[in-house]
Amino acid sequence: MKILLIDDEELDVFIAQRLLSLEYDITGITSHEQALHWAKENHFDVVLIDYYLNKGKLGNQLLRDLIAIKGPVFKAFLLTNYIDSKEHDKLKQDGFQGIIDKPLTLEKFKTCMTLE
């Protein structure tokens, strides 16, 4: 399984890559623009997107852009510290299969994948 992780915090990307690379092929990217460039040239099965990205961008905006490039051929999960139930429902409508509370762990990721 190929995972694309986008988070504007370099430390969060580093840690998530170290954890998930124990069992998965993962690429970590720290900006919206880099993610779109990478996605045009590469395949991924799952995308993990931080809710708040740099330059005022939100994760659901990036998801829309990725779907425009690739189509809905991948699973998408949002990474966040807090989302209320109203926002949670909206994010599901935007195309996220689930929400993973930060900090990301291998166990949390596996749990989300088994719920699908």
PDB file of N, CA and C in Angstrom:
ATOM      1  N   MET A   1       0.841  -1.178   0.000  1.00  0.00           N
ATOM      2  CA  MET A   1       0.000   0.000   0.000  1.00  0.00           C
ATOM      3  C   MET A   1       0.885   1.240   0.000  1.00  0.00           C
ATOM      4  N   LYS A   2       0.580   2.164  -0.873  1.00  0.00           N
ATOM      5  CA  LYS A   2       1.326   3.415  -0.990  1.00  0.00           C
ATOM      6  C   LYS A   2       0.535   4.533  -0.324  1.00  0.00           C
ATOM      7  N   ILE A   3       1.170   5.215   0.626  1.00  0.00           N
ATOM      8  CA  ILE A   3       0.521   6.286   1.381  1.00  0.00           C
ATOM      9  C   ILE A   3       1.186   7.616   1.056  1.00  0.00           C
ATOM     10  N   LEU A   4       0.357   8.632   0.840  1.00  0.00           N
ATOM     11  CA  LEU A   4       0.815  10.006   0.698  1.00  0.00           C
ATOM     12  C   LEU A   4       0.372  10.764   1.941  1.00  0.00           C
ATOM     13  N   LEU A   5       1.316  11.383   2.630  1.00  0.00           N
ATOM     14  CA  LEU A   5       1.040  12.155   3.842  1.00  0.00           C
ATOM     15  C   LEU A   5       1.376  13.611   3.580  1.00  0.00           C
ATOM     16  N   ILE A   6       0.440  14.511   3.876  1.00  0.00           N
ATOM     17  CA  ILE A   6       0.695  15.942   3.716  1.00  0.00           C
ATOM     18  C   ILE A   6       0.413  16.637   5.041  1.00  0.00           C
ATOM     19  N   ASP A   7       1.446  17.270   5.581  1.00  0.00           N
ATOM     20  CA  ASP A   7       1.339  18.021   6.831  1.00  0.00           C
ATOM     21  C   ASP A   7       2.383  19.120   6.754  1.00  0.00           C
ATOM     22  N   ASP A   8       2.008  20.344   7.097  1.00  0.00           N
ATOM     23  CA  ASP A   8       2.955  21.452   6.984  1.00  0.00           C
ATOM     24  C   ASP A   8       3.992  21.466   8.105  1.00  0.00           C
ATOM     25  N   GLU A   9       3.814  20.629   9.116  1.00  0.00           N
ATOM     26  CA  GLU A   9       4.793  20.525  10.205  1.00  0.00           C
ATOM     27  C   GLU A   9       5.809  19.439   9.864  1.00  0.00           C
ATOM     28  N   GLU A  10       7.054  19.852   9.600  1.00  0.00           N
ATOM     29  CA  GLU A  10       8.083  18.891   9.204  1.00  0.00           C
ATOM     30  C   GLU A  10       8.302  17.801  10.237  1.00  0.00           C
ATOM     31  N   LEU A  11       8.248  18.148  11.520  1.00  0.00           N
ATOM     32  CA  LEU A  11       8.438  17.147  12.570  1.00  0.00           C
ATOM     33  C   LEU A  11       7.315  16.107  12.533  1.00  0.00           C
ATOM     34  N   ASP A  12       6.078  16.545  12.316  1.00  0.00           N
ATOM     35  CA  ASP A  12       4.963  15.603  12.220  1.00  0.00           C
ATOM     36  C   ASP A  12       5.139  14.665  11.029  1.00  0.00           C
ATOM     37  N   VAL A  13       5.598  15.186   9.918  1.00  0.00           N
ATOM     38  CA  VAL A  13       5.846  14.354   8.732  1.00  0.00           C
ATOM     39  C   VAL A  13       6.944  13.344   9.033  1.00  0.00           C
ATOM     40  N   PHE A  14       8.030  13.803   9.647  1.00  0.00           N
ATOM     41  CA  PHE A  14       9.152  12.920   9.971  1.00  0.00           C
ATOM     42  C   PHE A  14       8.691  11.770  10.865  1.00  0.00           C
ATOM     43  N   ILE A  15       7.972  12.092  11.920  1.00  0.00           N
ATOM     44  CA  ILE A  15       7.529  11.065  12.870  1.00  0.00           C
ATOM     45  C   ILE A  15       6.558  10.090  12.204  1.00  0.00           C
ATOM     46  N   ALA A  16       5.593  10.620  11.465  1.00  0.00           N
ATOM     47  CA  ALA A  16       4.618   9.757  10.796  1.00  0.00           C
ATOM     48  C   ALA A  16       5.298   8.837   9.785  1.00  0.00           C
ATOM     49  N   GLN A  17       6.256   9.363   9.058  1.00  0.00           N
ATOM     50  CA  GLN A  17       6.983   8.534   8.095  1.00  0.00           C
ATOM     51  C   GLN A  17       7.723   7.411   8.797  1.00  0.00           C
ATOM     52  N   ARG A  18       8.365   7.732   9.888  1.00  0.00           N
ATOM     53  CA  ARG A  18       9.105   6.698  10.638  1.00  0.00           C
ATOM     54  C   ARG A  18       8.160   5.612  11.142  1.00  0.00           C
ATOM     55  N   LEU A  19       7.018   6.010  11.673  1.00  0.00           N
ATOM     56  CA  LEU A  19       6.067   5.037  12.212  1.00  0.00           C
ATOM     57  C   LEU A  19       5.448   4.172  11.119  1.00  0.00           C
ATOM     58  N   LEU A  20       4.900   4.813  10.097  1.00  0.00           N
ATOM     59  CA  LEU A  20       4.184   4.065   9.074  1.00  0.00           C
ATOM     60  C   LEU A  20       5.103   3.288   8.141  1.00  0.00           C
ATOM     61  N   SER A  21       6.350   3.735   8.000  1.00  0.00           N
ATOM     62  CA  SER A  21       7.276   3.029   7.106  1.00  0.00           C
ATOM     63  C   SER A  21       7.677   1.660   7.662  1.00  0.00           C
ATOM     64  N   LEU A  22       7.323   1.388   8.901  1.00  0.00           N
ATOM     65  CA  LEU A  22       7.580   0.055   9.455  1.00  0.00           C
ATOM     66  C   LEU A  22       6.761  -1.001   8.712  1.00  0.00           C
ATOM     67  N   GLU A  23       5.619  -0.594   8.156  1.00  0.00           N
ATOM     68  CA  GLU A  23       4.755  -1.557   7.471  1.00  0.00           C
ATOM     69  C   GLU A  23       4.252  -1.103   6.101  1.00  0.00           C
ATOM     70  N   TYR A  24       4.462   0.168   5.761  1.00  0.00           N
ATOM     71  CA  TYR A  24       3.894   0.699   4.518  1.00  0.00           C
ATOM     72  C   TYR A  24       4.929   1.516   3.750  1.00  0.00           C
ATOM     73  N   ASP A  25       4.627   1.720   2.473  1.00  0.00           N
ATOM     74  CA  ASP A  25       5.425   2.602   1.622  1.00  0.00           C
ATOM     75  C   ASP A  25       4.799   3.993   1.749  1.00  0.00           C
ATOM     76  N   ILE A  26       5.515   4.937   2.336  1.00  0.00           N
ATOM     77  CA  ILE A  26       4.942   6.257   2.619  1.00  0.00           C
ATOM     78  C   ILE A  26       5.827   7.367   2.080  1.00  0.00           C
ATOM     79  N   THR A  27       5.186   8.382   1.523  1.00  0.00           N
ATOM     80  CA  THR A  27       5.865   9.603   1.093  1.00  0.00           C
ATOM     81  C   THR A  27       5.267  10.761   1.873  1.00  0.00           C
ATOM     82  N   GLY A  28       6.124  11.557   2.497  1.00  0.00           N
ATOM     83  CA  GLY A  28       5.673  12.711   3.263  1.00  0.00           C
ATOM     84  C   GLY A  28       6.005  14.008   2.547  1.00  0.00           C
ATOM     85  N   ILE A  29       5.057  14.913   2.524  1.00  0.00           N
ATOM     86  CA  ILE A  29       5.201  16.197   1.839  1.00  0.00           C
ATOM     87  C   ILE A  29       4.693  17.292   2.765  1.00  0.00           C
ATOM     88  N   THR A  30       5.325  18.477   2.690  1.00  0.00           N
ATOM     89  CA  THR A  30       4.989  19.544   3.634  1.00  0.00           C
ATOM     90  C   THR A  30       4.236  20.731   3.041  1.00  0.00           C
ATOM     91  N   SER A  31       3.791  20.636   1.796  1.00  0.00           N
ATOM     92  CA  SER A  31       3.017  21.761   1.264  1.00  0.00           C
ATOM     93  C   SER A  31       1.976  21.292   0.251  1.00  0.00           C
ATOM     94  N   HIS A  32       0.940  22.075   0.142  1.00  0.00           N
ATOM     95  CA  HIS A  32      -0.162  21.848  -0.794  1.00  0.00           C
ATOM     96  C   HIS A  32       0.382  21.743  -2.222  1.00  0.00           C
ATOM     97  N   GLU A  33       1.202  22.704  -2.607  1.00  0.00           N
ATOM     98  CA  GLU A  33       1.719  22.753  -3.974  1.00  0.00           C
ATOM     99  C   GLU A  33       2.609  21.552  -4.288  1.00  0.00           C
ATOM    100  N   GLN A  34       3.494  21.193  -3.355  1.00  0.00           N
ATOM    101  CA  GLN A  34       4.357  20.031  -3.571  1.00  0.00           C
ATOM    102  C   GLN A  34       3.527  18.755  -3.700  1.00  0.00           C
ATOM    103  N   ALA A  35       2.479  18.653  -2.896  1.00  0.00           N
ATOM    104  CA  ALA A  35       1.625  17.465  -2.939  1.00  0.00           C
ATOM    105  C   ALA A  35       0.963  17.318  -4.309  1.00  0.00           C
ATOM    106  N   LEU A  36       0.466  18.413  -4.845  1.00  0.00           N
ATOM    107  CA  LEU A  36      -0.178  18.349  -6.167  1.00  0.00           C
ATOM    108  C   LEU A  36       0.823  17.979  -7.251  1.00  0.00           C
ATOM    109  N   HIS A  37       1.999  18.546  -7.189  1.00  0.00           N
ATOM    110  CA  HIS A  37       3.050  18.220  -8.165  1.00  0.00           C
ATOM    111  C   HIS A  37       3.407  16.731  -8.079  1.00  0.00           C
ATOM    112  N   TRP A  38       3.606  16.226  -6.865  1.00  0.00           N
ATOM    113  CA  TRP A  38       3.964  14.827  -6.662  1.00  0.00           C
ATOM    114  C   TRP A  38       2.838  13.907  -7.151  1.00  0.00           C
ATOM    115  N   ALA A  39       1.592  14.270  -6.836  1.00  0.00           N
ATOM    116  CA  ALA A  39       0.450  13.435  -7.194  1.00  0.00           C
ATOM    117  C   ALA A  39       0.276  13.292  -8.708  1.00  0.00           C
ATOM    118  N   LYS A  40       0.661  14.312  -9.450  1.00  0.00           N
ATOM    119  CA  LYS A  40       0.545  14.242 -10.906  1.00  0.00           C
ATOM    120  C   LYS A  40       1.425  13.150 -11.493  1.00  0.00           C
ATOM    121  N   GLU A  41       2.540  12.866 -10.826  1.00  0.00           N
ATOM    122  CA  GLU A  41       3.532  11.926 -11.354  1.00  0.00           C
ATOM    123  C   GLU A  41       3.546  10.566 -10.665  1.00  0.00           C
ATOM    124  N   ASN A  42       2.795  10.406  -9.571  1.00  0.00           N
ATOM    125  CA  ASN A  42       2.914   9.199  -8.762  1.00  0.00           C
ATOM    126  C   ASN A  42       1.557   8.631  -8.377  1.00  0.00           C
ATOM    127  N   HIS A  43       1.569   7.345  -8.055  1.00  0.00           N
ATOM    128  CA  HIS A  43       0.372   6.637  -7.594  1.00  0.00           C
ATOM    129  C   HIS A  43       0.374   6.566  -6.067  1.00  0.00           C
ATOM    130  N   PHE A  44      -0.813   6.611  -5.479  1.00  0.00           N
ATOM    131  CA  PHE A  44      -0.965   6.361  -4.043  1.00  0.00           C
ATOM    132  C   PHE A  44      -2.339   5.754  -3.811  1.00  0.00           C
ATOM    133  N   ASP A  45      -2.429   4.951  -2.761  1.00  0.00           N
ATOM    134  CA  ASP A  45      -3.679   4.279  -2.412  1.00  0.00           C
ATOM    135  C   ASP A  45      -4.444   5.011  -1.320  1.00  0.00           C
ATOM    136  N   VAL A  46      -3.687   5.676  -0.454  1.00  0.00           N
ATOM    137  CA  VAL A  46      -4.258   6.369   0.698  1.00  0.00           C
ATOM    138  C   VAL A  46      -3.575   7.715   0.842  1.00  0.00           C
ATOM    139  N   VAL A  47      -4.361   8.732   1.172  1.00  0.00           N
ATOM    140  CA  VAL A  47      -3.778  10.041   1.473  1.00  0.00           C
ATOM    141  C   VAL A  47      -4.187  10.428   2.892  1.00  0.00           C
ATOM    142  N   LEU A  48      -3.227  10.926   3.639  1.00  0.00           N
ATOM    143  CA  LEU A  48      -3.439  11.460   4.983  1.00  0.00           C
ATOM    144  C   LEU A  48      -3.140  12.950   4.914  1.00  0.00           C
ATOM    145  N   ILE A  49      -4.124  13.780   5.228  1.00  0.00           N
ATOM    146  CA  ILE A  49      -3.964  15.224   5.070  1.00  0.00           C
ATOM    147  C   ILE A  49      -4.240  15.920   6.393  1.00  0.00           C
ATOM    148  N   ASP A  50      -3.316  16.773   6.795  1.00  0.00           N
ATOM    149  CA  ASP A  50      -3.525  17.597   7.976  1.00  0.00           C
ATOM    150  C   ASP A  50      -4.637  18.598   7.681  1.00  0.00           C
ATOM    151  N   TYR A  51      -5.441  18.914   8.687  1.00  0.00           N
ATOM    152  CA  TYR A  51      -6.562  19.835   8.482  1.00  0.00           C
ATOM    153  C   TYR A  51      -6.099  21.248   8.151  1.00  0.00           C
ATOM    154  N   TYR A  52      -5.168  21.772   8.929  1.00  0.00           N
ATOM    155  CA  TYR A  52      -4.655  23.123   8.693  1.00  0.00           C
ATOM    156  C   TYR A  52      -3.295  23.023   8.015  1.00  0.00           C
ATOM    157  N   LEU A  53      -3.219  23.524   6.793  1.00  0.00           N
ATOM    158  CA  LEU A  53      -1.960  23.519   6.054  1.00  0.00           C
ATOM    159  C   LEU A  53      -1.419  24.943   5.967  1.00  0.00           C
ATOM    160  N   ASN A  54      -0.201  25.075   5.472  1.00  0.00           N
ATOM    161  CA  ASN A  54       0.422  26.392   5.357  1.00  0.00           C
ATOM    162  C   ASN A  54      -0.323  27.282   4.369  1.00  0.00           C
ATOM    163  N   LYS A  55      -0.073  28.567   4.463  1.00  0.00           N
ATOM    164  CA  LYS A  55      -0.659  29.584   3.582  1.00  0.00           C
ATOM    165  C   LYS A  55      -2.185  29.611   3.657  1.00  0.00           C
ATOM    166  N   GLY A  56      -2.738  29.265   4.837  1.00  0.00           N
ATOM    167  CA  GLY A  56      -4.171  29.363   5.035  1.00  0.00           C
ATOM    168  C   GLY A  56      -5.006  28.320   4.315  1.00  0.00           C
ATOM    169  N   LYS A  57      -4.391  27.291   3.792  1.00  0.00           N
ATOM    170  CA  LYS A  57      -5.129  26.242   3.081  1.00  0.00           C
ATOM    171  C   LYS A  57      -5.647  25.216   4.088  1.00  0.00           C
ATOM    172  N   LEU A  58      -6.780  24.638   3.752  1.00  0.00           N
ATOM    173  CA  LEU A  58      -7.360  23.587   4.575  1.00  0.00           C
ATOM    174  C   LEU A  58      -7.260  22.247   3.856  1.00  0.00           C
ATOM    175  N   GLY A  59      -7.284  21.183   4.633  1.00  0.00           N
ATOM    176  CA  GLY A  59      -7.152  19.843   4.083  1.00  0.00           C
ATOM    177  C   GLY A  59      -8.216  19.483   3.072  1.00  0.00           C
ATOM    178  N   ASN A  60      -9.448  19.966   3.280  1.00  0.00           N
ATOM    179  CA  ASN A  60     -10.507  19.623   2.322  1.00  0.00           C
ATOM    180  C   ASN A  60     -10.280  20.294   0.962  1.00  0.00           C
ATOM    181  N   GLN A  61      -9.619  21.455   0.952  1.00  0.00           N
ATOM    182  CA  GLN A  61      -9.271  22.092  -0.324  1.00  0.00           C
ATOM    183  C   GLN A  61      -8.266  21.224  -1.085  1.00  0.00           C
ATOM    184  N   LEU A  62      -7.267  20.721  -0.358  1.00  0.00           N
ATOM    185  CA  LEU A  62      -6.266  19.864  -0.984  1.00  0.00           C
ATOM    186  C   LEU A  62      -6.896  18.577  -1.485  1.00  0.00           C
ATOM    187  N   LEU A  63      -7.798  18.004  -0.712  1.00  0.00           N
ATOM    188  CA  LEU A  63      -8.464  16.784  -1.165  1.00  0.00           C
ATOM    189  C   LEU A  63      -9.210  17.023  -2.474  1.00  0.00           C
ATOM    190  N   ARG A  64      -9.930  18.121  -2.581  1.00  0.00           N
ATOM    191  CA  ARG A  64     -10.635  18.438  -3.837  1.00  0.00           C
ATOM    192  C   ARG A  64      -9.645  18.525  -5.003  1.00  0.00           C
ATOM    193  N   ASP A  65      -8.493  19.160  -4.766  1.00  0.00           N
ATOM    194  CA  ASP A  65      -7.492  19.289  -5.824  1.00  0.00           C
ATOM    195  C   ASP A  65      -6.904  17.929  -6.214  1.00  0.00           C
ATOM    196  N   LEU A  66      -6.672  17.074  -5.234  1.00  0.00           N
ATOM    197  CA  LEU A  66      -6.137  15.739  -5.530  1.00  0.00           C
ATOM    198  C   LEU A  66      -7.154  14.901  -6.316  1.00  0.00           C
ATOM    199  N   ILE A  67      -8.409  14.992  -5.944  1.00  0.00           N
ATOM    200  CA  ILE A  67      -9.458  14.265  -6.681  1.00  0.00           C
ATOM    201  C   ILE A  67      -9.563  14.780  -8.110  1.00  0.00           C
ATOM    202  N   ALA A  68      -9.381  16.086  -8.302  1.00  0.00           N
ATOM    203  CA  ALA A  68      -9.414  16.654  -9.654  1.00  0.00           C
ATOM    204  C   ALA A  68      -8.281  16.093 -10.512  1.00  0.00           C
ATOM    205  N   ILE A  69      -7.149  15.804  -9.903  1.00  0.00           N
ATOM    206  CA  ILE A  69      -5.994  15.260 -10.635  1.00  0.00           C
ATOM    207  C   ILE A  69      -6.134  13.760 -10.866  1.00  0.00           C
ATOM    208  N   LYS A  70      -6.469  13.019  -9.817  1.00  0.00           N
ATOM    209  CA  LYS A  70      -6.431  11.555  -9.850  1.00  0.00           C
ATOM    210  C   LYS A  70      -7.793  10.890 -10.023  1.00  0.00           C
ATOM    211  N   GLY A  71      -8.856  11.608  -9.699  1.00  0.00           N
ATOM    212  CA  GLY A  71     -10.163  10.964  -9.600  1.00  0.00           C
ATOM    213  C   GLY A  71     -10.297  10.366  -8.204  1.00  0.00           C
ATOM    214  N   PRO A  72     -11.458   9.829  -7.888  1.00  0.00           N
ATOM    215  CA  PRO A  72     -11.674   9.278  -6.541  1.00  0.00           C
ATOM    216  C   PRO A  72     -11.181   7.835  -6.416  1.00  0.00           C
ATOM    217  N   VAL A  73      -9.913   7.612  -6.710  1.00  0.00           N
ATOM    218  CA  VAL A  73      -9.355   6.253  -6.737  1.00  0.00           C
ATOM    219  C   VAL A  73      -8.516   5.933  -5.503  1.00  0.00           C
ATOM    220  N   PHE A  74      -8.582   6.773  -4.498  1.00  0.00           N
ATOM    221  CA  PHE A  74      -7.788   6.559  -3.286  1.00  0.00           C
ATOM    222  C   PHE A  74      -8.659   6.844  -2.070  1.00  0.00           C
ATOM    223  N   LYS A  75      -8.234   6.328  -0.925  1.00  0.00           N
ATOM    224  CA  LYS A  75      -8.908   6.611   0.334  1.00  0.00           C
ATOM    225  C   LYS A  75      -8.261   7.841   0.957  1.00  0.00           C
ATOM    226  N   ALA A  76      -9.078   8.678   1.585  1.00  0.00           N
ATOM    227  CA  ALA A  76      -8.568   9.914   2.187  1.00  0.00           C
ATOM    228  C   ALA A  76      -8.963   9.986   3.662  1.00  0.00           C
ATOM    229  N   PHE A  77      -7.971  10.327   4.485  1.00  0.00           N
ATOM    230  CA  PHE A  77      -8.195  10.502   5.911  1.00  0.00           C
ATOM    231  C   PHE A  77      -7.638  11.853   6.334  1.00  0.00           C
ATOM    232  N   LEU A  78      -8.359  12.505   7.211  1.00  0.00           N
ATOM    233  CA  LEU A  78      -7.941  13.802   7.728  1.00  0.00           C
ATOM    234  C   LEU A  78      -7.220  13.606   9.049  1.00  0.00           C
ATOM    235  N   LEU A  79      -6.109  14.327   9.223  1.00  0.00           N
ATOM    236  CA  LEU A  79      -5.369  14.340  10.487  1.00  0.00           C
ATOM    237  C   LEU A  79      -5.671  15.650  11.198  1.00  0.00           C
ATOM    238  N   THR A  80      -6.034  15.581  12.463  1.00  0.00           N
ATOM    239  CA  THR A  80      -6.351  16.808  13.177  1.00  0.00           C
ATOM    240  C   THR A  80      -6.248  16.612  14.679  1.00  0.00           C
ATOM    241  N   ASN A  81      -6.179  17.734  15.382  1.00  0.00           N
ATOM    242  CA  ASN A  81      -6.204  17.709  16.839  1.00  0.00           C
ATOM    243  C   ASN A  81      -7.625  17.785  17.367  1.00  0.00           C
ATOM    244  N   TYR A  82      -8.502  18.491  16.635  1.00  0.00           N
ATOM    245  CA  TYR A  82      -9.878  18.626  17.097  1.00  0.00           C
ATOM    246  C   TYR A  82     -10.799  19.015  15.947  1.00  0.00           C
ATOM    247  N   ILE A  83     -11.892  18.288  15.834  1.00  0.00           N
ATOM    248  CA  ILE A  83     -12.961  18.612  14.888  1.00  0.00           C
ATOM    249  C   ILE A  83     -14.276  18.355  15.616  1.00  0.00           C
ATOM    250  N   ASP A  84     -15.194  19.320  15.564  1.00  0.00           N
ATOM    251  CA  ASP A  84     -16.493  19.075  16.199  1.00  0.00           C
ATOM    252  C   ASP A  84     -17.365  18.224  15.270  1.00  0.00           C
ATOM    253  N   SER A  85     -18.465  17.712  15.796  1.00  0.00           N
ATOM    254  CA  SER A  85     -19.289  16.763  15.036  1.00  0.00           C
ATOM    255  C   SER A  85     -19.901  17.392  13.779  1.00  0.00           C
ATOM    256  N   LYS A  86     -20.209  18.671  13.832  1.00  0.00           N
ATOM    257  CA  LYS A  86     -20.754  19.358  12.663  1.00  0.00           C
ATOM    258  C   LYS A  86     -19.721  19.404  11.526  1.00  0.00           C
ATOM    259  N   GLU A  87     -18.498  19.764  11.872  1.00  0.00           N
ATOM    260  CA  GLU A  87     -17.410  19.812  10.886  1.00  0.00           C
ATOM    261  C   GLU A  87     -17.075  18.403  10.398  1.00  0.00           C
ATOM    262  N   HIS A  88     -17.136  17.428  11.282  1.00  0.00           N
ATOM    263  CA  HIS A  88     -16.860  16.034  10.932  1.00  0.00           C
ATOM    264  C   HIS A  88     -17.784  15.579   9.797  1.00  0.00           C
ATOM    265  N   ASP A  89     -19.078  15.878   9.913  1.00  0.00           N
ATOM    266  CA  ASP A  89     -20.037  15.496   8.871  1.00  0.00           C
ATOM    267  C   ASP A  89     -19.732  16.187   7.543  1.00  0.00           C
ATOM    268  N   LYS A  90     -19.356  17.450   7.590  1.00  0.00           N
ATOM    269  CA  LYS A  90     -19.015  18.185   6.368  1.00  0.00           C
ATOM    270  C   LYS A  90     -17.786  17.574   5.693  1.00  0.00           C
ATOM    271  N   LEU A  91     -16.788  17.206   6.488  1.00  0.00           N
ATOM    272  CA  LEU A  91     -15.569  16.627   5.926  1.00  0.00           C
ATOM    273  C   LEU A  91     -15.848  15.274   5.276  1.00  0.00           C
ATOM    274  N   LYS A  92     -16.756  14.513   5.837  1.00  0.00           N
ATOM    275  CA  LYS A  92     -17.156  13.251   5.203  1.00  0.00           C
ATOM    276  C   LYS A  92     -17.805  13.539   3.845  1.00  0.00           C
ATOM    277  N   GLN A  93     -18.629  14.586   3.780  1.00  0.00           N
ATOM    278  CA  GLN A  93     -19.253  14.970   2.512  1.00  0.00           C
ATOM    279  C   GLN A  93     -18.205  15.417   1.503  1.00  0.00           C
ATOM    280  N   ASP A  94     -17.108  16.003   1.985  1.00  0.00           N
ATOM    281  CA  ASP A  94     -16.029  16.453   1.100  1.00  0.00           C
ATOM    282  C   ASP A  94     -15.220  15.291   0.531  1.00  0.00           C
ATOM    283  N   GLY A  95     -15.390  14.081   1.096  1.00  0.00           N
ATOM    284  CA  GLY A  95     -14.707  12.923   0.544  1.00  0.00           C
ATOM    285  C   GLY A  95     -13.766  12.199   1.485  1.00  0.00           C
ATOM    286  N   PHE A  96     -13.637  12.665   2.712  1.00  0.00           N
ATOM    287  CA  PHE A  96     -12.781  11.950   3.663  1.00  0.00           C
ATOM    288  C   PHE A  96     -13.516  10.716   4.185  1.00  0.00           C
ATOM    289  N   GLN A  97     -12.835   9.574   4.181  1.00  0.00           N
ATOM    290  CA  GLN A  97     -13.430   8.351   4.709  1.00  0.00           C
ATOM    291  C   GLN A  97     -13.425   8.343   6.233  1.00  0.00           C
ATOM    292  N   GLY A  98     -12.504   9.094   6.824  1.00  0.00           N
ATOM    293  CA  GLY A  98     -12.420   9.119   8.273  1.00  0.00           C
ATOM    294  C   GLY A  98     -11.501  10.211   8.757  1.00  0.00           C
ATOM    295  N   ILE A  99     -11.488  10.359  10.065  1.00  0.00           N
ATOM    296  CA  ILE A  99     -10.650  11.363  10.710  1.00  0.00           C
ATOM    297  C   ILE A  99      -9.778  10.655  11.740  1.00  0.00           C
ATOM    298  N   ILE A 100      -8.493  10.947  11.697  1.00  0.00           N
ATOM    299  CA  ILE A 100      -7.544  10.362  12.640  1.00  0.00           C
ATOM    300  C   ILE A 100      -7.043  11.470  13.544  1.00  0.00           C
ATOM    301  N   ASP A 101      -7.263  11.298  14.840  1.00  0.00           N
ATOM    302  CA  ASP A 101      -6.795  12.291  15.804  1.00  0.00           C
ATOM    303  C   ASP A 101      -5.279  12.246  15.901  1.00  0.00           C
ATOM    304  N   LYS A 102      -4.681  13.430  15.949  1.00  0.00           N
ATOM    305  CA  LYS A 102      -3.239  13.528  16.177  1.00  0.00           C
ATOM    306  C   LYS A 102      -2.964  13.309  17.651  1.00  0.00           C
ATOM    307  N   PRO A 103      -1.838  12.778  17.998  1.00  0.00           N
ATOM    308  CA  PRO A 103      -0.757  12.363  17.108  1.00  0.00           C
ATOM    309  C   PRO A 103      -1.071  11.042  16.403  1.00  0.00           C
ATOM    310  N   LEU A 104      -0.620  10.937  15.166  1.00  0.00           N
ATOM    311  CA  LEU A 104      -0.810   9.738  14.370  1.00  0.00           C
ATOM    312  C   LEU A 104       0.020   8.602  14.943  1.00  0.00           C
ATOM    313  N   THR A 105      -0.577   7.439  15.024  1.00  0.00           N
ATOM    314  CA  THR A 105       0.158   6.233  15.412  1.00  0.00           C
ATOM    315  C   THR A 105      -0.158   5.138  14.405  1.00  0.00           C
ATOM    316  N   LEU A 106       0.664   4.143  14.368  1.00  0.00           N
ATOM    317  CA  LEU A 106       0.444   3.004  13.490  1.00  0.00           C
ATOM    318  C   LEU A 106      -0.887   2.328  13.841  1.00  0.00           C
ATOM    319  N   GLU A 107      -1.174   2.222  15.120  1.00  0.00           N
ATOM    320  CA  GLU A 107      -2.416   1.593  15.563  1.00  0.00           C
ATOM    321  C   GLU A 107      -3.645   2.386  15.112  1.00  0.00           C
ATOM    322  N   LYS A 108      -3.607   3.722  15.237  1.00  0.00           N
ATOM    323  CA  LYS A 108      -4.735   4.545  14.799  1.00  0.00           C
ATOM    324  C   LYS A 108      -4.954   4.392  13.292  1.00  0.00           C
ATOM    325  N   PHE A 109      -3.868   4.372  12.537  1.00  0.00           N
ATOM    326  CA  PHE A 109      -3.988   4.215  11.090  1.00  0.00           C
ATOM    327  C   PHE A 109      -4.604   2.865  10.749  1.00  0.00           C
ATOM    328  N   LYS A 110      -4.115   1.802  11.357  1.00  0.00           N
ATOM    329  CA  LYS A 110      -4.644   0.466  11.088  1.00  0.00           C
ATOM    330  C   LYS A 110      -6.122   0.367  11.457  1.00  0.00           C
ATOM    331  N   THR A 111      -6.498   0.994  12.566  1.00  0.00           N
ATOM    332  CA  THR A 111      -7.896   0.970  12.976  1.00  0.00           C
ATOM    333  C   THR A 111      -8.776   1.634  11.933  1.00  0.00           C
ATOM    334  N   CYS A 112      -8.375   2.789  11.425  1.00  0.00           N
ATOM    335  CA  CYS A 112      -9.154   3.480  10.393  1.00  0.00           C
ATOM    336  C   CYS A 112      -9.253   2.629   9.136  1.00  0.00           C
ATOM    337  N   MET A 113      -8.200   1.960   8.776  1.00  0.00           N
ATOM    338  CA  MET A 113      -8.212   1.161   7.559  1.00  0.00           C
ATOM    339  C   MET A 113      -9.126  -0.057   7.711  1.00  0.00           C
ATOM    340  N   THR A 114      -9.222  -0.614   8.912  1.00  0.00           N
ATOM    341  CA  THR A 114     -10.081  -1.792   9.101  1.00  0.00           C
ATOM    342  C   THR A 114     -11.553  -1.412   9.206  1.00  0.00           C
ATOM    343  N   LEU A 115     -11.847  -0.160   9.511  1.00  0.00           N
ATOM    344  CA  LEU A 115     -13.226   0.286   9.596  1.00  0.00           C
ATOM    345  C   LEU A 115     -13.829   0.500   8.212  1.00  0.00           C
ATOM    346  N   GLU A 116     -12.989   0.554   7.207  1.00  0.00           N
ATOM    347  CA  GLU A 116     -13.466   0.819   5.839  1.00  0.00           C
ATOM    348  C   GLU A 116     -14.082  -0.410   5.228  1.00  0.00           C
TER     349      GLU A 116
END
